Amino acid sequence: MMNEIDTAKPKSDTLAAALARHRVELPPDQIAALEQYAARLWDWNQRLNLTRHTTFEKFVARDVIDSVQLANLLEAHERVLDVGTGGGVPGVVIAILRPDVKVVLCESVAKKAKAVTSIVAEAGIAAQVHHARAEALLDKQRFDSLLIRAVAPLAKLLTWFKPHWDQIGRLLVIKGPNWVEERGEARHRGLFKGLQLRKRATYPLAGSDSKSVVLEIKLAQDAEITAEDD
């Protein structure tokens, strides 16, 4: 779906051109669906702060590319939960890119949850939205993957979800270059005991010389294993 970015070209004012500049190849129906979602997101953003990515350039560079990386790691027919969806990223984008998976969005801020519910309905996107914390949903439902971006440091995430691993297949967490320090802090606090961590993707962080990663965290087969990066 995605190759190396050509940063020499000028910024785009259309979604199709922005996707082309970042070497993201999508079918026309998905481009149209993303355009509808972005239009509704930006309309709501005038009333409620949902996103800082209010151009097609930023939308592709920061939101679509992250979502593509996650979409590539999902198995067919997975049930996934977007934790703290905010304005709908990555969950809504995943629902567009991977219509074969079941996408559920959760947001603890009532105004944001209401806005995303409207956005999803207006854009005709197949995703459920819940005004709730992820932990509350996990008390009643099981998910194959939890999708997590810009929510909290690893130590907090592992603390929150520690009681719920029987309801979680894995965490897929997008992190920037400070992920190694976050892993060290979580390990120091003993939060990785019985868990396995793998770095599943590495890709350029738009607008910088740094890299983003997708980390997969799940229960280890051997309960004594401490997480290590492959």
C-alpha atoms as a PDB file:
ATOM      1  CA  MET A   1       0.000   0.000   0.000  1.00  0.00           C
ATOM      2  CA  MET A   2       2.785   2.416   0.819  1.00  0.00           C
ATOM      3  CA  ASN A   3       6.330   3.090  -0.316  1.00  0.00           C
ATOM      4  CA  GLU A   4       9.006   5.672   0.427  1.00  0.00           C
ATOM      5  CA  ILE A   5       7.811   9.292   0.668  1.00  0.00           C
ATOM      6  CA  ASP A   6       8.925  11.826  -1.940  1.00  0.00           C
ATOM      7  CA  THR A   7       9.198  14.994   0.125  1.00  0.00           C
ATOM      8  CA  ALA A   8      10.487  17.102  -2.768  1.00  0.00           C
ATOM      9  CA  LYS A   9       7.036  17.574  -4.273  1.00  0.00           C
ATOM     10  CA  PRO A  10       4.798  20.483  -3.192  1.00  0.00           C
ATOM     11  CA  LYS A  11       2.032  20.003  -0.664  1.00  0.00           C
ATOM     12  CA  SER A  12      -1.241  18.825  -2.113  1.00  0.00           C
ATOM     13  CA  ASP A  13      -4.670  20.427  -1.894  1.00  0.00           C
ATOM     14  CA  THR A  14      -6.541  17.259  -2.885  1.00  0.00           C
ATOM     15  CA  LEU A  15      -6.733  13.926  -1.137  1.00  0.00           C
ATOM     16  CA  ALA A  16      -5.826  11.912  -4.243  1.00  0.00           C
ATOM     17  CA  ALA A  17      -2.694  13.983  -4.841  1.00  0.00           C
ATOM     18  CA  ALA A  18      -1.668  13.822  -1.173  1.00  0.00           C
ATOM     19  CA  LEU A  19      -2.030  10.039  -1.240  1.00  0.00           C
ATOM     20  CA  ALA A  20       0.032   9.859  -4.433  1.00  0.00           C
ATOM     21  CA  ARG A  21       2.771  12.043  -2.990  1.00  0.00           C
ATOM     22  CA  HIS A  22       3.087   9.741   0.008  1.00  0.00           C
ATOM     23  CA  ARG A  23       2.950   6.659  -2.230  1.00  0.00           C
ATOM     24  CA  VAL A  24      -0.278   5.378  -0.674  1.00  0.00           C
ATOM     25  CA  GLU A  25      -2.273   3.422  -3.246  1.00  0.00           C
ATOM     26  CA  LEU A  26      -5.978   2.937  -2.528  1.00  0.00           C
ATOM     27  CA  PRO A  27      -8.978   2.030  -4.708  1.00  0.00           C
ATOM     28  CA  PRO A  28     -11.257   4.897  -5.798  1.00  0.00           C
ATOM     29  CA  ASP A  29     -14.132   3.887  -3.500  1.00  0.00           C
ATOM     30  CA  GLN A  30     -11.868   4.060  -0.435  1.00  0.00           C
ATOM     31  CA  ILE A  31     -10.477   7.436  -1.487  1.00  0.00           C
ATOM     32  CA  ALA A  32     -14.028   8.740  -1.848  1.00  0.00           C
ATOM     33  CA  ALA A  33     -14.990   7.364   1.584  1.00  0.00           C
ATOM     34  CA  LEU A  34     -11.912   8.944   3.202  1.00  0.00           C
ATOM     35  CA  GLU A  35     -12.778  12.252   1.541  1.00  0.00           C
ATOM     36  CA  GLN A  36     -16.308  12.119   2.958  1.00  0.00           C
ATOM     37  CA  TYR A  37     -14.989  11.291   6.412  1.00  0.00           C
ATOM     38  CA  ALA A  38     -12.422  14.114   6.329  1.00  0.00           C
ATOM     39  CA  ALA A  39     -15.039  16.643   5.203  1.00  0.00           C
ATOM     40  CA  ARG A  40     -17.353  15.740   8.080  1.00  0.00           C
ATOM     41  CA  LEU A  41     -14.514  15.590  10.598  1.00  0.00           C
ATOM     42  CA  TRP A  42     -13.317  19.065   9.634  1.00  0.00           C
ATOM     43  CA  ASP A  43     -16.848  20.441   9.717  1.00  0.00           C
ATOM     44  CA  TRP A  44     -17.307  19.159  13.281  1.00  0.00           C
ATOM     45  CA  ASN A  45     -13.846  20.424  14.159  1.00  0.00           C
ATOM     46  CA  GLN A  46     -15.064  23.991  13.761  1.00  0.00           C
ATOM     47  CA  ARG A  47     -17.376  23.386  16.725  1.00  0.00           C
ATOM     48  CA  LEU A  48     -15.276  20.968  18.774  1.00  0.00           C
ATOM     49  CA  ASN A  49     -11.525  20.382  18.834  1.00  0.00           C
ATOM     50  CA  LEU A  50     -11.203  16.898  17.332  1.00  0.00           C
ATOM     51  CA  THR A  51      -8.040  17.113  15.220  1.00  0.00           C
ATOM     52  CA  ARG A  52      -5.105  19.353  14.319  1.00  0.00           C
ATOM     53  CA  HIS A  53      -4.756  17.662  10.935  1.00  0.00           C
ATOM     54  CA  THR A  54      -7.065  19.897   8.919  1.00  0.00           C
ATOM     55  CA  THR A  55      -5.444  19.656   5.471  1.00  0.00           C
ATOM     56  CA  PHE A  56      -5.233  16.662   3.173  1.00  0.00           C
ATOM     57  CA  GLU A  57      -1.453  16.774   3.516  1.00  0.00           C
ATOM     58  CA  LYS A  58      -1.567  16.397   7.303  1.00  0.00           C
ATOM     59  CA  PHE A  59      -4.479  13.974   7.144  1.00  0.00           C
ATOM     60  CA  VAL A  60      -2.520  11.618   4.908  1.00  0.00           C
ATOM     61  CA  ALA A  61       0.899  12.114   6.493  1.00  0.00           C
ATOM     62  CA  ARG A  62      -0.242  11.592  10.074  1.00  0.00           C
ATOM     63  CA  ASP A  63      -3.618   9.810  10.068  1.00  0.00           C
ATOM     64  CA  VAL A  64      -3.887   7.701   6.926  1.00  0.00           C
ATOM     65  CA  ILE A  65      -0.309   6.412   7.036  1.00  0.00           C
ATOM     66  CA  ASP A  66      -0.644   5.338  10.685  1.00  0.00           C
ATOM     67  CA  SER A  67      -3.922   3.626   9.861  1.00  0.00           C
ATOM     68  CA  VAL A  68      -2.455   1.835   6.832  1.00  0.00           C
ATOM     69  CA  GLN A  69       0.290   0.396   9.019  1.00  0.00           C
ATOM     70  CA  LEU A  70      -2.303  -0.964  11.458  1.00  0.00           C
ATOM     71  CA  ALA A  71      -4.581  -2.221   8.682  1.00  0.00           C
ATOM     72  CA  ASN A  72      -1.717  -4.280   7.257  1.00  0.00           C
ATOM     73  CA  LEU A  73      -1.392  -6.142  10.573  1.00  0.00           C
ATOM     74  CA  LEU A  74      -5.041  -7.140  10.984  1.00  0.00           C
ATOM     75  CA  GLU A  75      -6.317 -10.600  10.147  1.00  0.00           C
ATOM     76  CA  ALA A  76      -9.543 -11.126   8.243  1.00  0.00           C
ATOM     77  CA  HIS A  77     -12.698 -10.764  10.327  1.00  0.00           C
ATOM     78  CA  GLU A  78     -10.930  -9.498  13.437  1.00  0.00           C
ATOM     79  CA  ARG A  79     -12.940  -7.636  16.054  1.00  0.00           C
ATOM     80  CA  VAL A  80     -10.977  -4.490  16.916  1.00  0.00           C
ATOM     81  CA  LEU A  81     -11.400  -1.676  19.429  1.00  0.00           C
ATOM     82  CA  ASP A  82     -10.061   1.834  18.810  1.00  0.00           C
ATOM     83  CA  VAL A  83      -9.126   3.051  22.294  1.00  0.00           C
ATOM     84  CA  GLY A  84      -9.743   6.770  22.867  1.00  0.00           C
ATOM     85  CA  THR A  85     -10.725   7.412  19.271  1.00  0.00           C
ATOM     86  CA  GLY A  86     -10.909  11.229  19.556  1.00  0.00           C
ATOM     87  CA  GLY A  87     -12.029  12.314  16.097  1.00  0.00           C
ATOM     88  CA  GLY A  88     -12.133   8.753  14.764  1.00  0.00           C
ATOM     89  CA  VAL A  89      -8.504   7.934  13.972  1.00  0.00           C
ATOM     90  CA  PRO A  90      -7.433   5.255  13.463  1.00  0.00           C
ATOM     91  CA  GLY A  91     -10.750   3.420  13.861  1.00  0.00           C
ATOM     92  CA  VAL A  92     -12.804   5.140  11.173  1.00  0.00           C
ATOM     93  CA  VAL A  93      -9.967   4.967   8.668  1.00  0.00           C
ATOM     94  CA  ILE A  94      -9.476   1.265   9.474  1.00  0.00           C
ATOM     95  CA  ALA A  95     -13.192   0.664   8.879  1.00  0.00           C
ATOM     96  CA  ILE A  96     -12.768   2.189   5.406  1.00  0.00           C
ATOM     97  CA  LEU A  97      -9.514   0.397   4.559  1.00  0.00           C
ATOM     98  CA  ARG A  98     -10.563  -2.989   5.984  1.00  0.00           C
ATOM     99  CA  PRO A  99     -14.327  -3.485   5.581  1.00  0.00           C
ATOM    100  CA  ASP A 100     -13.800  -7.166   6.435  1.00  0.00           C
ATOM    101  CA  VAL A 101     -13.043  -6.403  10.106  1.00  0.00           C
ATOM    102  CA  LYS A 102     -15.476  -5.383  12.847  1.00  0.00           C
ATOM    103  CA  VAL A 103     -14.511  -1.941  14.159  1.00  0.00           C
ATOM    104  CA  VAL A 104     -15.675  -0.548  17.494  1.00  0.00           C
ATOM    105  CA  LEU A 105     -14.696   2.952  18.644  1.00  0.00           C
ATOM    106  CA  CYS A 106     -14.686   4.122  22.257  1.00  0.00           C
ATOM    107  CA  GLU A 107     -14.252   7.628  23.630  1.00  0.00           C
ATOM    108  CA  SER A 108     -14.577   8.680  27.264  1.00  0.00           C
ATOM    109  CA  VAL A 109     -15.279  12.365  26.484  1.00  0.00           C
ATOM    110  CA  ALA A 110     -19.019  12.655  25.874  1.00  0.00           C
ATOM    111  CA  LYS A 111     -18.860  15.547  23.381  1.00  0.00           C
ATOM    112  CA  LYS A 112     -16.271  13.770  21.263  1.00  0.00           C
ATOM    113  CA  ALA A 113     -18.172  10.484  21.348  1.00  0.00           C
ATOM    114  CA  LYS A 114     -21.343  12.284  20.216  1.00  0.00           C
ATOM    115  CA  ALA A 115     -19.461  14.019  17.396  1.00  0.00           C
ATOM    116  CA  VAL A 116     -17.871  10.807  16.133  1.00  0.00           C
ATOM    117  CA  THR A 117     -21.229   9.029  16.282  1.00  0.00           C
ATOM    118  CA  SER A 118     -22.639  11.725  13.990  1.00  0.00           C
ATOM    119  CA  ILE A 119     -19.610  11.663  11.682  1.00  0.00           C
ATOM    120  CA  VAL A 120     -19.831   7.881  11.272  1.00  0.00           C
ATOM    121  CA  ALA A 121     -23.576   8.043  10.581  1.00  0.00           C
ATOM    122  CA  GLU A 122     -23.283  10.950   8.134  1.00  0.00           C
ATOM    123  CA  ALA A 123     -20.454   9.280   6.215  1.00  0.00           C
ATOM    124  CA  GLY A 124     -22.181   5.883   6.146  1.00  0.00           C
ATOM    125  CA  ILE A 125     -19.243   4.099   7.800  1.00  0.00           C
ATOM    126  CA  ALA A 126     -19.743   0.656   9.335  1.00  0.00           C
ATOM    127  CA  ALA A 127     -18.407   1.204  12.845  1.00  0.00           C
ATOM    128  CA  GLN A 128     -19.929   1.276  16.320  1.00  0.00           C
ATOM    129  CA  VAL A 129     -19.187   4.182  18.660  1.00  0.00           C
ATOM    130  CA  HIS A 130     -19.417   3.951  22.464  1.00  0.00           C
ATOM    131  CA  HIS A 131     -19.190   6.744  25.015  1.00  0.00           C
ATOM    132  CA  ALA A 132     -17.108   4.714  27.445  1.00  0.00           C
ATOM    133  CA  ARG A 133     -13.634   3.895  28.619  1.00  0.00           C
ATOM    134  CA  ALA A 134     -12.099   0.851  26.992  1.00  0.00           C
ATOM    135  CA  GLU A 135     -11.898  -0.929  30.353  1.00  0.00           C
ATOM    136  CA  ALA A 136     -15.688  -0.726  30.731  1.00  0.00           C
ATOM    137  CA  LEU A 137     -16.225  -2.353  27.334  1.00  0.00           C
ATOM    138  CA  LEU A 138     -13.695  -5.059  28.158  1.00  0.00           C
ATOM    139  CA  ASP A 139     -15.749  -6.007  31.202  1.00  0.00           C
ATOM    140  CA  LYS A 140     -18.385  -7.325  28.782  1.00  0.00           C
ATOM    141  CA  GLN A 141     -16.759  -7.879  25.392  1.00  0.00           C
ATOM    142  CA  ARG A 142     -13.670  -9.520  23.924  1.00  0.00           C
ATOM    143  CA  PHE A 143     -11.588  -7.994  21.128  1.00  0.00           C
ATOM    144  CA  ASP A 144      -8.908  -9.554  18.965  1.00  0.00           C
ATOM    145  CA  SER A 145      -6.925  -6.302  18.799  1.00  0.00           C
ATOM    146  CA  LEU A 146      -6.943  -3.009  20.672  1.00  0.00           C
ATOM    147  CA  LEU A 147      -5.710  -0.134  18.477  1.00  0.00           C
ATOM    148  CA  ILE A 148      -3.963   2.577  20.477  1.00  0.00           C
ATOM    149  CA  ARG A 149      -2.508   5.859  19.227  1.00  0.00           C
ATOM    150  CA  ALA A 150      -1.579   8.969  21.237  1.00  0.00           C
ATOM    151  CA  VAL A 151      -3.417   7.777  24.351  1.00  0.00           C
ATOM    152  CA  ALA A 152      -0.859   7.248  27.146  1.00  0.00           C
ATOM    153  CA  PRO A 153       2.663   5.969  27.907  1.00  0.00           C
ATOM    154  CA  LEU A 154       3.175   2.201  27.864  1.00  0.00           C
ATOM    155  CA  ALA A 155       3.296   2.000  31.666  1.00  0.00           C
ATOM    156  CA  LYS A 156      -0.176   3.533  31.973  1.00  0.00           C
ATOM    157  CA  LEU A 157      -1.600   1.374  29.205  1.00  0.00           C
ATOM    158  CA  LEU A 158      -0.320  -1.826  30.752  1.00  0.00           C
ATOM    159  CA  THR A 159      -1.641  -0.778  34.161  1.00  0.00           C
ATOM    160  CA  TRP A 160      -5.094  -0.036  32.770  1.00  0.00           C
ATOM    161  CA  PHE A 161      -5.396  -3.286  30.838  1.00  0.00           C
ATOM    162  CA  LYS A 162      -3.689  -5.654  33.285  1.00  0.00           C
ATOM    163  CA  PRO A 163      -7.031  -6.953  34.698  1.00  0.00           C
ATOM    164  CA  HIS A 164      -8.473  -7.517  31.212  1.00  0.00           C
ATOM    165  CA  TRP A 165      -6.070  -9.793  29.341  1.00  0.00           C
ATOM    166  CA  ASP A 166      -8.659 -12.571  29.221  1.00  0.00           C
ATOM    167  CA  GLN A 167     -10.685 -10.225  26.974  1.00  0.00           C
ATOM    168  CA  ILE A 168      -7.788  -8.993  24.811  1.00  0.00           C
ATOM    169  CA  GLY A 169      -6.017 -10.803  21.997  1.00  0.00           C
ATOM    170  CA  ARG A 170      -3.291  -8.173  21.667  1.00  0.00           C
ATOM    171  CA  LEU A 171      -2.517  -4.471  21.808  1.00  0.00           C
ATOM    172  CA  LEU A 172      -1.326  -2.732  18.638  1.00  0.00           C
ATOM    173  CA  VAL A 173       0.263   0.503  19.836  1.00  0.00           C
ATOM    174  CA  ILE A 174       1.648   3.291  17.640  1.00  0.00           C
ATOM    175  CA  LYS A 175       4.601   5.042  19.243  1.00  0.00           C
ATOM    176  CA  GLY A 176       7.249   7.567  18.259  1.00  0.00           C
ATOM    177  CA  PRO A 177      11.005   7.411  18.855  1.00  0.00           C
ATOM    178  CA  ASN A 178      10.649   7.556  22.663  1.00  0.00           C
ATOM    179  CA  TRP A 179       9.093   4.082  22.759  1.00  0.00           C
ATOM    180  CA  VAL A 180      12.334   2.508  23.986  1.00  0.00           C
ATOM    181  CA  GLU A 181      12.336   4.736  27.079  1.00  0.00           C
ATOM    182  CA  GLU A 182       8.665   3.961  27.695  1.00  0.00           C
ATOM    183  CA  ARG A 183       9.400   0.245  27.439  1.00  0.00           C
ATOM    184  CA  GLY A 184      12.242   0.620  29.925  1.00  0.00           C
ATOM    185  CA  GLU A 185      10.013   2.400  32.439  1.00  0.00           C
ATOM    186  CA  ALA A 186       7.263  -0.219  32.105  1.00  0.00           C
ATOM    187  CA  ARG A 187       9.789  -3.026  32.456  1.00  0.00           C
ATOM    188  CA  HIS A 188      11.343  -1.374  35.519  1.00  0.00           C
ATOM    189  CA  ARG A 189       7.905  -1.360  37.142  1.00  0.00           C
ATOM    190  CA  GLY A 190       7.387  -5.055  36.365  1.00  0.00           C
ATOM    191  CA  LEU A 191       4.471  -4.389  34.025  1.00  0.00           C
ATOM    192  CA  PHE A 192       5.728  -6.644  31.241  1.00  0.00           C
ATOM    193  CA  LYS A 193       5.819  -9.790  33.370  1.00  0.00           C
ATOM    194  CA  GLY A 194       4.025 -12.535  31.472  1.00  0.00           C
ATOM    195  CA  LEU A 195       3.766 -10.396  28.334  1.00  0.00           C
ATOM    196  CA  GLN A 196       5.528 -10.469  24.987  1.00  0.00           C
ATOM    197  CA  LEU A 197       6.389  -7.367  22.947  1.00  0.00           C
ATOM    198  CA  ARG A 198       7.254  -7.316  19.253  1.00  0.00           C
ATOM    199  CA  LYS A 199       8.000  -4.398  16.972  1.00  0.00           C
ATOM    200  CA  ARG A 200       5.756  -5.152  13.981  1.00  0.00           C
ATOM    201  CA  ALA A 201       6.386  -2.093  11.802  1.00  0.00           C
ATOM    202  CA  THR A 202       8.806   0.816  11.498  1.00  0.00           C
ATOM    203  CA  TYR A 203       8.166   3.750   9.172  1.00  0.00           C
ATOM    204  CA  PRO A 204       9.115   7.441   8.758  1.00  0.00           C
ATOM    205  CA  LEU A 205       7.514   9.943  11.123  1.00  0.00           C
ATOM    206  CA  ALA A 206       6.231  12.661   8.805  1.00  0.00           C
ATOM    207  CA  GLY A 207       8.022  15.990   9.060  1.00  0.00           C
ATOM    208  CA  SER A 208      11.034  14.643  10.962  1.00  0.00           C
ATOM    209  CA  ASP A 209      14.069  12.378  10.684  1.00  0.00           C
ATOM    210  CA  SER A 210      12.592  10.034  13.303  1.00  0.00           C
ATOM    211  CA  LYS A 211      10.622   6.817  12.973  1.00  0.00           C
ATOM    212  CA  SER A 212       7.235   5.648  14.170  1.00  0.00           C
ATOM    213  CA  VAL A 213       6.684   2.050  15.231  1.00  0.00           C
ATOM    214  CA  VAL A 214       3.772  -0.303  15.738  1.00  0.00           C
ATOM    215  CA  LEU A 215       4.263  -2.421  18.845  1.00  0.00           C
ATOM    216  CA  GLU A 216       2.364  -5.660  19.398  1.00  0.00           C
ATOM    217  CA  ILE A 217       1.876  -6.644  23.043  1.00  0.00           C
ATOM    218  CA  LYS A 218       0.187  -9.866  24.058  1.00  0.00           C
ATOM    219  CA  LEU A 219       0.282 -12.609  26.646  1.00  0.00           C
ATOM    220  CA  ALA A 220       3.427 -14.704  26.418  1.00  0.00           C
ATOM    221  CA  GLN A 221       3.098 -18.455  25.995  1.00  0.00           C
ATOM    222  CA  ASP A 222       5.473 -18.836  28.930  1.00  0.00           C
ATOM    223  CA  ALA A 223       4.166 -16.776  31.850  1.00  0.00           C
ATOM    224  CA  GLU A 224       7.725 -16.133  33.014  1.00  0.00           C
ATOM    225  CA  ILE A 225       8.786 -14.413  29.781  1.00  0.00           C
ATOM    226  CA  THR A 226       9.638 -10.734  30.061  1.00  0.00           C
ATOM    227  CA  ALA A 227       8.912  -8.666  26.948  1.00  0.00           C
ATOM    228  CA  GLU A 228      11.748  -8.181  24.504  1.00  0.00           C
ATOM    229  CA  ASP A 229      11.882  -6.404  21.169  1.00  0.00           C
ATOM    230  CA  ASP A 230      12.447  -8.776  18.251  1.00  0.00           C
END
